[in-house]
Amino acid sequence: MIYVESKRKSLATIRAKHPSAVIIDVTSRGEEPWVRVSPFYPHGDIPVPFSESVFSASVEGVWQGLKVFEGEDVDFSKFANRAMKGIKRTVRKFGKPLGHRKGVNGTELLDYGTARHHIYLPTYAWMLDNKAAEVIEKLTHMAETGDVVLLDYDTNGDLTNLKSPLSHAALVKLYIEKKHPHLKTLTAAAGDNYML
């Protein structure tokens, strides 16, 4: 079984809750090969949705690059960033976000919830399918033979909850459980309509 816990918790607390589990950090600070499921990992050649022949080094690069602010539009440099840092574009620096551009040349701005479902989720799922399949296979095998705890900074796995960022560890859990239904013990109702 796969569990998601906050990386901010102490290891002692997590071990007390999951005494027999293998604990794996899947954040951008995790170790190989687990770091490869981080949205910050620079796999390269990740298609930017609604943008023919435009690719990004990372999933986070897609998300941040298509973000539009009051005084800033699409940022192509985020697609090229392979450093796993300096990718985020913040309100503090750029002002109020207006939405995500539907493609680099698109005229439509998507609100946060729509962008999550039409940009972030399909891009992350594409990355898991095409760039992190070996890691997913290892995690699946581990979950079949014992408990696995995935550490992430965020733990929100509810695709409809827009009040907090999605946990990519929770998305990995959902992805594996949907691809391998025998691992699933709980129904992720909110996620059943989305191909992750």
N, C-alpha and C. Protein backbone atom coordinates (compact mmCIF):
# COMPACT_ATOMS: atom_id res chain seq x y z
N MET A 1 0.85 -1.19 0.00
CA MET A 1 0.00 0.00 0.00
C MET A 1 0.89 1.24 0.00
N ILE A 2 0.42 2.28 -0.67
CA ILE A 2 1.16 3.53 -0.74
C ILE A 2 0.48 4.57 0.14
N TYR A 3 1.30 5.28 0.92
CA TYR A 3 0.82 6.36 1.78
C TYR A 3 1.60 7.62 1.41
N VAL A 4 1.00 8.77 1.68
CA VAL A 4 1.66 10.06 1.44
C VAL A 4 1.75 10.79 2.77
N GLU A 5 2.94 11.25 3.07
CA GLU A 5 3.16 12.00 4.31
C GLU A 5 3.95 13.26 4.00
N SER A 6 3.83 14.24 4.89
CA SER A 6 4.55 15.50 4.72
C SER A 6 6.02 15.33 5.04
N LYS A 7 6.85 15.86 4.18
CA LYS A 7 8.30 15.85 4.40
C LYS A 7 8.66 16.70 5.61
N ARG A 8 7.74 17.57 6.01
CA ARG A 8 8.00 18.45 7.15
C ARG A 8 7.86 17.72 8.50
N LYS A 9 7.23 16.54 8.48
CA LYS A 9 7.11 15.75 9.71
C LYS A 9 8.45 15.10 10.04
N SER A 10 8.66 14.82 11.30
CA SER A 10 9.90 14.13 11.67
C SER A 10 9.84 12.67 11.20
N LEU A 11 11.00 12.12 10.89
CA LEU A 11 11.06 10.71 10.48
C LEU A 11 10.55 9.81 11.59
N ALA A 12 10.80 10.19 12.84
CA ALA A 12 10.34 9.38 13.98
C ALA A 12 8.82 9.29 13.99
N THR A 13 8.15 10.41 13.71
CA THR A 13 6.68 10.43 13.68
C THR A 13 6.15 9.56 12.55
N ILE A 14 6.78 9.67 11.39
CA ILE A 14 6.35 8.88 10.23
C ILE A 14 6.59 7.40 10.48
N ARG A 15 7.76 7.06 11.04
CA ARG A 15 8.07 5.64 11.32
C ARG A 15 7.13 5.05 12.37
N ALA A 16 6.72 5.87 13.34
CA ALA A 16 5.79 5.39 14.36
C ALA A 16 4.43 5.07 13.74
N LYS A 17 4.03 5.86 12.73
CA LYS A 17 2.74 5.65 12.07
C LYS A 17 2.79 4.51 11.06
N HIS A 18 3.96 4.32 10.42
CA HIS A 18 4.14 3.30 9.38
C HIS A 18 5.40 2.50 9.68
N PRO A 19 5.37 1.68 10.73
CA PRO A 19 6.60 1.04 11.21
C PRO A 19 7.29 0.11 10.21
N SER A 20 6.55 -0.49 9.32
CA SER A 20 7.18 -1.44 8.40
C SER A 20 7.37 -0.88 6.99
N ALA A 21 7.08 0.40 6.81
CA ALA A 21 7.10 0.99 5.47
C ALA A 21 8.50 1.40 5.03
N VAL A 22 8.71 1.36 3.72
CA VAL A 22 9.88 1.98 3.11
C VAL A 22 9.50 3.44 2.89
N ILE A 23 10.35 4.35 3.36
CA ILE A 23 10.06 5.78 3.25
C ILE A 23 10.91 6.38 2.13
N ILE A 24 10.23 7.03 1.18
CA ILE A 24 10.92 7.54 -0.01
C ILE A 24 10.58 9.01 -0.22
N ASP A 25 11.61 9.83 -0.32
CA ASP A 25 11.47 11.25 -0.62
C ASP A 25 11.36 11.42 -2.14
N VAL A 26 10.20 11.88 -2.60
CA VAL A 26 10.00 12.06 -4.05
C VAL A 26 10.00 13.54 -4.43
N THR A 27 10.54 14.38 -3.55
CA THR A 27 10.65 15.81 -3.88
C THR A 27 11.88 16.04 -4.74
N SER A 28 12.08 17.30 -5.12
CA SER A 28 13.25 17.66 -5.94
C SER A 28 14.55 17.49 -5.15
N ARG A 29 14.44 17.27 -3.84
CA ARG A 29 15.63 17.02 -3.01
C ARG A 29 15.85 15.53 -2.73
N GLY A 30 14.98 14.71 -3.32
CA GLY A 30 15.11 13.26 -3.13
C GLY A 30 16.30 12.69 -3.90
N GLU A 31 16.54 11.42 -3.66
CA GLU A 31 17.65 10.75 -4.31
C GLU A 31 17.18 10.05 -5.58
N GLU A 32 18.14 9.71 -6.43
CA GLU A 32 17.86 8.90 -7.62
C GLU A 32 17.43 7.51 -7.16
N PRO A 33 16.52 6.85 -7.82
CA PRO A 33 15.80 7.33 -9.01
C PRO A 33 14.51 8.07 -8.66
N TRP A 34 14.20 8.17 -7.36
CA TRP A 34 12.88 8.66 -6.92
C TRP A 34 12.64 10.12 -7.31
N VAL A 35 13.71 10.92 -7.35
CA VAL A 35 13.59 12.32 -7.72
C VAL A 35 12.99 12.48 -9.12
N ARG A 36 13.03 11.43 -9.92
CA ARG A 36 12.54 11.51 -11.30
C ARG A 36 11.02 11.69 -11.40
N VAL A 37 10.28 11.48 -10.31
CA VAL A 37 8.84 11.76 -10.36
C VAL A 37 8.52 13.16 -9.87
N SER A 38 9.54 13.92 -9.48
CA SER A 38 9.32 15.31 -9.10
C SER A 38 8.96 16.12 -10.33
N PRO A 39 7.97 17.02 -10.22
CA PRO A 39 7.64 17.87 -11.37
C PRO A 39 8.77 18.82 -11.76
N PHE A 40 9.75 18.98 -10.88
CA PHE A 40 10.89 19.86 -11.16
C PHE A 40 12.01 19.13 -11.92
N TYR A 41 11.93 17.80 -12.00
CA TYR A 41 13.03 17.05 -12.60
C TYR A 41 13.13 17.35 -14.10
N PRO A 42 14.34 17.70 -14.59
CA PRO A 42 14.50 18.10 -16.00
C PRO A 42 14.68 16.93 -16.95
N HIS A 43 13.61 16.20 -17.18
CA HIS A 43 13.66 15.09 -18.14
C HIS A 43 13.95 15.58 -19.55
N GLY A 44 13.38 16.72 -19.89
CA GLY A 44 13.49 17.25 -21.24
C GLY A 44 12.43 16.69 -22.17
N ASP A 45 12.16 17.41 -23.24
CA ASP A 45 11.23 16.98 -24.29
C ASP A 45 9.82 16.69 -23.80
N ILE A 46 9.36 17.45 -22.81
CA ILE A 46 7.99 17.32 -22.32
C ILE A 46 7.11 18.28 -23.13
N PRO A 47 6.12 17.75 -23.85
CA PRO A 47 5.29 18.63 -24.69
C PRO A 47 4.52 19.67 -23.87
N VAL A 48 4.54 20.90 -24.33
CA VAL A 48 3.76 21.95 -23.69
C VAL A 48 2.36 21.89 -24.29
N PRO A 49 1.33 21.70 -23.46
CA PRO A 49 -0.04 21.56 -23.98
C PRO A 49 -0.47 22.74 -24.85
N PHE A 50 -1.23 22.42 -25.89
CA PHE A 50 -1.79 23.42 -26.80
C PHE A 50 -0.71 24.25 -27.50
N SER A 51 0.50 23.69 -27.61
CA SER A 51 1.63 24.43 -28.18
C SER A 51 2.43 23.50 -29.08
N GLU A 52 2.10 23.51 -30.35
CA GLU A 52 2.76 22.60 -31.30
C GLU A 52 4.26 22.86 -31.38
N SER A 53 5.03 21.77 -31.25
CA SER A 53 6.49 21.81 -31.37
C SER A 53 7.18 22.64 -30.30
N VAL A 54 6.53 22.81 -29.14
CA VAL A 54 7.16 23.49 -28.00
C VAL A 54 7.30 22.47 -26.88
N PHE A 55 8.49 22.40 -26.29
CA PHE A 55 8.78 21.40 -25.27
C PHE A 55 9.41 22.06 -24.05
N SER A 56 9.28 21.39 -22.92
CA SER A 56 9.82 21.90 -21.66
C SER A 56 10.74 20.85 -21.04
N ALA A 57 11.70 21.33 -20.28
CA ALA A 57 12.59 20.41 -19.56
C ALA A 57 11.83 19.68 -18.46
N SER A 58 10.87 20.38 -17.82
CA SER A 58 10.17 19.80 -16.67
C SER A 58 8.68 20.11 -16.70
N VAL A 59 7.93 19.37 -15.90
CA VAL A 59 6.49 19.64 -15.73
C VAL A 59 6.29 21.00 -15.08
N GLU A 60 7.09 21.30 -14.06
CA GLU A 60 6.96 22.59 -13.38
C GLU A 60 7.28 23.74 -14.34
N GLY A 61 8.21 23.51 -15.26
CA GLY A 61 8.52 24.51 -16.26
C GLY A 61 7.32 24.84 -17.13
N VAL A 62 6.53 23.81 -17.48
CA VAL A 62 5.29 24.02 -18.24
C VAL A 62 4.33 24.87 -17.42
N TRP A 63 4.12 24.46 -16.17
CA TRP A 63 3.14 25.13 -15.30
C TRP A 63 3.51 26.60 -15.08
N GLN A 64 4.78 26.84 -14.77
CA GLN A 64 5.22 28.21 -14.50
C GLN A 64 5.34 29.03 -15.79
N GLY A 65 5.78 28.39 -16.86
CA GLY A 65 5.98 29.11 -18.12
C GLY A 65 4.69 29.63 -18.73
N LEU A 66 3.60 28.89 -18.54
CA LEU A 66 2.31 29.31 -19.12
C LEU A 66 1.52 30.24 -18.20
N LYS A 67 2.05 30.50 -17.01
CA LYS A 67 1.36 31.37 -16.06
C LYS A 67 1.44 32.82 -16.54
N VAL A 68 0.32 33.53 -16.42
CA VAL A 68 0.24 34.93 -16.85
C VAL A 68 -0.09 35.81 -15.65
N PHE A 69 0.66 36.91 -15.53
CA PHE A 69 0.46 37.87 -14.45
C PHE A 69 0.03 39.21 -15.05
N GLU A 70 -0.30 40.15 -14.19
CA GLU A 70 -0.71 41.48 -14.66
C GLU A 70 0.31 42.09 -15.61
N GLY A 71 1.58 41.95 -15.30
CA GLY A 71 2.61 42.57 -16.13
C GLY A 71 3.54 41.59 -16.82
N GLU A 72 3.24 40.32 -16.77
CA GLU A 72 4.12 39.30 -17.36
C GLU A 72 3.30 38.23 -18.07
N ASP A 73 3.70 37.88 -19.26
CA ASP A 73 3.00 36.85 -20.02
C ASP A 73 3.80 35.55 -19.98
N VAL A 74 3.65 34.72 -20.98
CA VAL A 74 4.35 33.43 -21.07
C VAL A 74 5.86 33.66 -20.94
N ASP A 75 6.52 32.79 -20.17
CA ASP A 75 7.97 32.90 -19.96
C ASP A 75 8.64 31.64 -20.51
N PHE A 76 9.20 31.77 -21.72
CA PHE A 76 9.84 30.64 -22.38
C PHE A 76 11.07 30.14 -21.63
N SER A 77 11.68 31.00 -20.82
CA SER A 77 12.89 30.59 -20.09
C SER A 77 12.57 29.49 -19.08
N LYS A 78 11.33 29.42 -18.61
CA LYS A 78 10.94 28.38 -17.65
C LYS A 78 10.92 27.00 -18.33
N PHE A 79 10.60 26.97 -19.63
CA PHE A 79 10.62 25.70 -20.36
C PHE A 79 12.06 25.17 -20.48
N ALA A 80 13.01 26.07 -20.55
CA ALA A 80 14.42 25.68 -20.76
C ALA A 80 15.16 25.40 -19.46
N ASN A 81 14.58 25.77 -18.32
CA ASN A 81 15.28 25.63 -17.03
C ASN A 81 15.50 24.16 -16.68
N ARG A 82 16.77 23.77 -16.53
CA ARG A 82 17.12 22.40 -16.18
C ARG A 82 17.76 22.32 -14.79
N ALA A 83 17.69 23.41 -14.03
CA ALA A 83 18.41 23.50 -12.76
C ALA A 83 17.63 23.00 -11.55
N MET A 84 16.34 22.75 -11.70
CA MET A 84 15.46 22.35 -10.59
C MET A 84 15.36 23.45 -9.52
N LYS A 85 15.73 24.65 -9.87
CA LYS A 85 15.53 25.80 -8.99
C LYS A 85 15.35 27.03 -9.86
N GLY A 86 14.79 28.08 -9.29
CA GLY A 86 14.54 29.29 -10.06
C GLY A 86 13.44 29.11 -11.10
N ILE A 87 12.56 28.15 -10.87
CA ILE A 87 11.49 27.90 -11.84
C ILE A 87 10.21 28.65 -11.47
N LYS A 88 9.94 28.78 -10.18
CA LYS A 88 8.66 29.36 -9.74
C LYS A 88 8.57 30.84 -10.09
N ARG A 89 7.36 31.25 -10.42
CA ARG A 89 7.04 32.66 -10.66
C ARG A 89 6.00 33.05 -9.61
N THR A 90 6.32 34.01 -8.77
CA THR A 90 5.49 34.30 -7.60
C THR A 90 4.74 35.62 -7.71
N VAL A 91 3.66 35.69 -6.93
CA VAL A 91 2.86 36.91 -6.82
C VAL A 91 3.73 38.04 -6.30
N ARG A 92 4.60 37.74 -5.36
CA ARG A 92 5.45 38.76 -4.74
C ARG A 92 6.28 39.49 -5.81
N LYS A 93 6.75 38.74 -6.80
CA LYS A 93 7.60 39.34 -7.82
C LYS A 93 6.83 39.89 -9.02
N PHE A 94 5.75 39.20 -9.42
CA PHE A 94 5.07 39.55 -10.67
C PHE A 94 3.68 40.13 -10.50
N GLY A 95 3.17 40.19 -9.28
CA GLY A 95 1.84 40.74 -9.06
C GLY A 95 0.75 39.69 -9.22
N LYS A 96 -0.46 40.17 -9.35
CA LYS A 96 -1.63 39.29 -9.39
C LYS A 96 -1.59 38.35 -10.61
N PRO A 97 -1.77 37.02 -10.38
CA PRO A 97 -1.86 36.11 -11.53
C PRO A 97 -3.23 36.22 -12.18
N LEU A 98 -3.23 36.19 -13.52
CA LEU A 98 -4.48 36.30 -14.27
C LEU A 98 -4.99 34.94 -14.74
N GLY A 99 -4.10 33.96 -14.77
CA GLY A 99 -4.47 32.62 -15.22
C GLY A 99 -3.31 31.97 -15.95
N HIS A 100 -3.60 30.90 -16.64
CA HIS A 100 -2.60 30.20 -17.45
C HIS A 100 -3.01 30.31 -18.92
N ARG A 101 -2.05 30.67 -19.75
CA ARG A 101 -2.34 30.80 -21.18
C ARG A 101 -2.55 29.40 -21.76
N LYS A 102 -3.61 29.25 -22.55
CA LYS A 102 -3.92 27.97 -23.19
C LYS A 102 -3.03 27.84 -24.43
N GLY A 103 -1.78 27.48 -24.19
CA GLY A 103 -0.78 27.38 -25.25
C GLY A 103 0.02 28.66 -25.35
N VAL A 104 1.26 28.54 -25.83
CA VAL A 104 2.15 29.71 -25.86
C VAL A 104 1.63 30.83 -26.75
N ASN A 105 0.87 30.48 -27.78
CA ASN A 105 0.30 31.50 -28.67
C ASN A 105 -1.21 31.65 -28.51
N GLY A 106 -1.75 31.03 -27.47
CA GLY A 106 -3.19 31.05 -27.28
C GLY A 106 -3.71 32.41 -26.84
N THR A 107 -4.96 32.65 -27.12
CA THR A 107 -5.59 33.90 -26.70
C THR A 107 -6.41 33.71 -25.43
N GLU A 108 -6.69 32.45 -25.08
CA GLU A 108 -7.54 32.14 -23.93
C GLU A 108 -6.70 31.97 -22.66
N LEU A 109 -7.21 32.58 -21.57
CA LEU A 109 -6.59 32.37 -20.25
C LEU A 109 -7.47 31.42 -19.46
N LEU A 110 -6.86 30.38 -18.91
CA LEU A 110 -7.58 29.40 -18.11
C LEU A 110 -7.48 29.74 -16.64
N ASP A 111 -8.59 29.62 -15.91
CA ASP A 111 -8.54 29.84 -14.47
C ASP A 111 -7.77 28.69 -13.83
N TYR A 112 -7.46 28.84 -12.56
CA TYR A 112 -6.59 27.89 -11.85
C TYR A 112 -7.10 26.45 -11.93
N GLY A 113 -8.38 26.24 -11.63
CA GLY A 113 -8.94 24.89 -11.65
C GLY A 113 -8.93 24.27 -13.04
N THR A 114 -9.30 25.07 -14.04
CA THR A 114 -9.31 24.57 -15.42
C THR A 114 -7.89 24.27 -15.88
N ALA A 115 -6.95 25.14 -15.54
CA ALA A 115 -5.55 24.93 -15.91
C ALA A 115 -4.99 23.68 -15.22
N ARG A 116 -5.39 23.45 -13.99
CA ARG A 116 -4.92 22.25 -13.29
C ARG A 116 -5.33 20.99 -14.07
N HIS A 117 -6.57 20.98 -14.55
CA HIS A 117 -7.09 19.79 -15.23
C HIS A 117 -6.67 19.67 -16.70
N HIS A 118 -6.39 20.81 -17.34
CA HIS A 118 -6.08 20.76 -18.77
C HIS A 118 -4.60 20.98 -19.09
N ILE A 119 -3.85 21.46 -18.10
CA ILE A 119 -2.41 21.66 -18.32
C ILE A 119 -1.59 20.77 -17.37
N TYR A 120 -1.75 20.99 -16.07
CA TYR A 120 -0.87 20.30 -15.12
C TYR A 120 -1.08 18.78 -15.10
N LEU A 121 -2.30 18.34 -14.90
CA LEU A 121 -2.54 16.90 -14.76
C LEU A 121 -2.16 16.10 -16.01
N PRO A 122 -2.56 16.52 -17.21
CA PRO A 122 -2.14 15.75 -18.38
C PRO A 122 -0.63 15.79 -18.61
N THR A 123 0.01 16.92 -18.28
CA THR A 123 1.46 17.02 -18.47
C THR A 123 2.18 16.10 -17.49
N TYR A 124 1.71 16.10 -16.24
CA TYR A 124 2.35 15.24 -15.24
C TYR A 124 2.14 13.76 -15.59
N ALA A 125 0.93 13.42 -16.01
CA ALA A 125 0.64 12.03 -16.40
C ALA A 125 1.49 11.63 -17.60
N TRP A 126 1.66 12.53 -18.56
CA TRP A 126 2.49 12.24 -19.73
C TRP A 126 3.93 11.95 -19.29
N MET A 127 4.41 12.77 -18.35
CA MET A 127 5.77 12.57 -17.84
C MET A 127 5.91 11.21 -17.17
N LEU A 128 4.93 10.83 -16.34
CA LEU A 128 5.00 9.52 -15.67
C LEU A 128 4.99 8.39 -16.70
N ASP A 129 4.16 8.52 -17.72
CA ASP A 129 4.07 7.50 -18.77
C ASP A 129 5.34 7.37 -19.58
N ASN A 130 5.91 8.52 -19.94
CA ASN A 130 6.96 8.54 -20.94
C ASN A 130 8.38 8.77 -20.43
N LYS A 131 8.50 9.29 -19.22
CA LYS A 131 9.83 9.62 -18.70
C LYS A 131 10.17 8.94 -17.38
N ALA A 132 9.16 8.48 -16.65
CA ALA A 132 9.41 7.91 -15.32
C ALA A 132 8.82 6.52 -15.17
N ALA A 133 8.62 5.82 -16.27
CA ALA A 133 7.97 4.50 -16.23
C ALA A 133 8.74 3.50 -15.37
N GLU A 134 10.06 3.53 -15.43
CA GLU A 134 10.86 2.58 -14.63
C GLU A 134 10.70 2.84 -13.15
N VAL A 135 10.65 4.10 -12.76
CA VAL A 135 10.47 4.44 -11.35
C VAL A 135 9.08 3.99 -10.88
N ILE A 136 8.07 4.23 -11.71
CA ILE A 136 6.70 3.80 -11.39
C ILE A 136 6.66 2.27 -11.24
N GLU A 137 7.35 1.57 -12.11
CA GLU A 137 7.39 0.10 -12.03
C GLU A 137 8.02 -0.35 -10.71
N LYS A 138 9.09 0.30 -10.30
CA LYS A 138 9.75 -0.05 -9.03
C LYS A 138 8.83 0.23 -7.84
N LEU A 139 8.18 1.40 -7.85
CA LEU A 139 7.27 1.75 -6.76
C LEU A 139 6.08 0.79 -6.71
N THR A 140 5.58 0.40 -7.87
CA THR A 140 4.46 -0.54 -7.94
C THR A 140 4.86 -1.87 -7.32
N HIS A 141 6.02 -2.37 -7.69
CA HIS A 141 6.50 -3.64 -7.14
C HIS A 141 6.68 -3.55 -5.62
N MET A 142 7.24 -2.44 -5.16
CA MET A 142 7.43 -2.25 -3.71
C MET A 142 6.10 -2.23 -2.98
N ALA A 143 5.09 -1.57 -3.57
CA ALA A 143 3.78 -1.47 -2.95
C ALA A 143 3.05 -2.80 -2.95
N GLU A 144 3.39 -3.68 -3.89
CA GLU A 144 2.79 -5.01 -3.94
C GLU A 144 3.33 -5.92 -2.85
N THR A 145 4.53 -5.61 -2.39
CA THR A 145 5.19 -6.50 -1.42
C THR A 145 5.27 -5.90 -0.01
N GLY A 146 4.85 -4.66 0.15
CA GLY A 146 4.90 -4.02 1.46
C GLY A 146 4.37 -2.61 1.40
N ASP A 147 4.50 -1.89 2.50
CA ASP A 147 4.03 -0.51 2.57
C ASP A 147 5.12 0.45 2.10
N VAL A 148 4.68 1.50 1.40
CA VAL A 148 5.59 2.54 0.92
C VAL A 148 5.01 3.89 1.34
N VAL A 149 5.85 4.73 1.92
CA VAL A 149 5.46 6.10 2.25
C VAL A 149 6.21 7.03 1.32
N LEU A 150 5.47 7.85 0.58
CA LEU A 150 6.06 8.86 -0.29
C LEU A 150 6.04 10.21 0.44
N LEU A 151 7.19 10.84 0.54
CA LEU A 151 7.29 12.13 1.20
C LEU A 151 7.18 13.26 0.19
N ASP A 152 6.38 14.27 0.53
CA ASP A 152 6.21 15.45 -0.31
C ASP A 152 5.98 16.64 0.61
N TYR A 153 6.24 17.83 0.11
CA TYR A 153 5.99 19.03 0.92
C TYR A 153 4.50 19.27 1.08
N ASP A 154 3.74 19.00 0.03
CA ASP A 154 2.28 19.12 0.08
C ASP A 154 1.67 17.73 0.11
N THR A 155 0.50 17.61 0.73
CA THR A 155 -0.13 16.29 0.82
C THR A 155 -1.55 16.27 0.25
N ASN A 156 -1.97 17.36 -0.38
CA ASN A 156 -3.31 17.43 -0.96
C ASN A 156 -3.42 16.51 -2.17
N GLY A 157 -4.27 15.49 -2.06
CA GLY A 157 -4.51 14.58 -3.16
C GLY A 157 -5.89 14.72 -3.76
N ASP A 158 -6.62 15.73 -3.33
CA ASP A 158 -7.98 15.98 -3.83
C ASP A 158 -7.89 16.91 -5.04
N LEU A 159 -8.15 16.38 -6.22
CA LEU A 159 -8.01 17.15 -7.45
C LEU A 159 -8.95 18.35 -7.51
N THR A 160 -10.02 18.31 -6.73
CA THR A 160 -10.99 19.40 -6.75
C THR A 160 -10.71 20.47 -5.68
N ASN A 161 -9.78 20.21 -4.78
CA ASN A 161 -9.44 21.16 -3.73
C ASN A 161 -8.44 22.17 -4.28
N LEU A 162 -8.92 23.39 -4.55
CA LEU A 162 -8.07 24.42 -5.13
C LEU A 162 -7.44 25.32 -4.07
N LYS A 163 -7.70 25.04 -2.81
CA LYS A 163 -7.18 25.89 -1.74
C LYS A 163 -5.74 25.59 -1.40
N SER A 164 -5.26 24.40 -1.78
CA SER A 164 -3.85 24.09 -1.53
C SER A 164 -3.27 23.37 -2.75
N PRO A 165 -1.96 23.51 -2.95
CA PRO A 165 -1.33 22.89 -4.12
C PRO A 165 -1.49 21.37 -4.09
N LEU A 166 -1.55 20.78 -5.28
CA LEU A 166 -1.61 19.32 -5.38
C LEU A 166 -0.29 18.72 -4.95
N SER A 167 -0.37 17.60 -4.30
CA SER A 167 0.82 16.81 -3.96
C SER A 167 1.13 15.91 -5.13
N HIS A 168 2.34 16.02 -5.67
CA HIS A 168 2.68 15.11 -6.76
C HIS A 168 2.87 13.69 -6.22
N ALA A 169 3.23 13.55 -4.94
CA ALA A 169 3.30 12.21 -4.35
C ALA A 169 1.92 11.56 -4.34
N ALA A 170 0.89 12.36 -4.04
CA ALA A 170 -0.48 11.84 -4.07
C ALA A 170 -0.89 11.49 -5.49
N LEU A 171 -0.40 12.24 -6.47
CA LEU A 171 -0.70 11.92 -7.86
C LEU A 171 -0.01 10.63 -8.28
N VAL A 172 1.21 10.41 -7.79
CA VAL A 172 1.91 9.14 -8.07
C VAL A 172 1.11 7.98 -7.49
N LYS A 173 0.63 8.14 -6.26
CA LYS A 173 -0.19 7.11 -5.61
C LYS A 173 -1.45 6.84 -6.44
N LEU A 174 -2.14 7.89 -6.84
CA LEU A 174 -3.36 7.75 -7.63
C LEU A 174 -3.06 7.09 -8.98
N TYR A 175 -2.00 7.52 -9.61
CA TYR A 175 -1.59 6.96 -10.91
C TYR A 175 -1.34 5.46 -10.80
N ILE A 176 -0.58 5.06 -9.80
CA ILE A 176 -0.26 3.63 -9.62
C ILE A 176 -1.52 2.84 -9.31
N GLU A 177 -2.37 3.36 -8.45
CA GLU A 177 -3.58 2.63 -8.07
C GLU A 177 -4.56 2.50 -9.24
N LYS A 178 -4.60 3.49 -10.12
CA LYS A 178 -5.49 3.41 -11.28
C LYS A 178 -4.93 2.45 -12.33
N LYS A 179 -3.62 2.41 -12.48
CA LYS A 179 -2.99 1.50 -13.45
C LYS A 179 -2.95 0.06 -12.93
N HIS A 180 -2.92 -0.07 -11.60
CA HIS A 180 -2.82 -1.38 -10.96
C HIS A 180 -3.91 -1.48 -9.90
N PRO A 181 -5.17 -1.71 -10.33
CA PRO A 181 -6.31 -1.65 -9.41
C PRO A 181 -6.20 -2.58 -8.21
N HIS A 182 -5.42 -3.65 -8.31
CA HIS A 182 -5.30 -4.58 -7.18
C HIS A 182 -4.60 -3.93 -6.00
N LEU A 183 -3.92 -2.79 -6.20
CA LEU A 183 -3.29 -2.08 -5.09
C LEU A 183 -4.27 -1.18 -4.37
N LYS A 184 -5.40 -0.91 -5.01
CA LYS A 184 -6.31 0.11 -4.53
C LYS A 184 -7.22 -0.43 -3.42
N THR A 185 -7.25 0.28 -2.30
CA THR A 185 -8.16 -0.11 -1.22
C THR A 185 -9.24 0.94 -0.99
N LEU A 186 -8.96 2.16 -1.43
CA LEU A 186 -9.93 3.24 -1.29
C LEU A 186 -10.22 3.83 -2.67
N THR A 187 -11.44 4.28 -2.90
CA THR A 187 -11.78 4.88 -4.18
C THR A 187 -11.47 6.37 -4.14
N ALA A 188 -10.67 6.81 -5.08
CA ALA A 188 -10.36 8.25 -5.19
C ALA A 188 -11.41 8.87 -6.10
N ALA A 189 -12.59 9.12 -5.55
CA ALA A 189 -13.75 9.52 -6.36
C ALA A 189 -13.45 10.75 -7.20
N ALA A 190 -12.77 11.73 -6.62
CA ALA A 190 -12.51 12.96 -7.37
C ALA A 190 -11.61 12.70 -8.56
N GLY A 191 -10.78 11.68 -8.45
CA GLY A 191 -9.82 11.43 -9.52
C GLY A 191 -10.30 10.45 -10.56
N ASP A 192 -11.45 9.83 -10.36
CA ASP A 192 -11.88 8.78 -11.27
C ASP A 192 -12.17 9.29 -12.68
N ASN A 193 -12.45 10.58 -12.81
CA ASN A 193 -12.75 11.12 -14.13
C ASN A 193 -11.51 11.58 -14.88
N TYR A 194 -10.36 11.49 -14.25
CA TYR A 194 -9.16 12.01 -14.86
C TYR A 194 -8.17 10.90 -15.08
N MET A 195 -7.55 10.93 -16.25
CA MET A 195 -6.60 9.87 -16.61
C MET A 195 -5.23 10.18 -16.02
N LEU A 196 -5.00 9.66 -14.86
CA LEU A 196 -3.68 9.81 -14.23
C LEU A 196 -3.10 8.45 -14.06
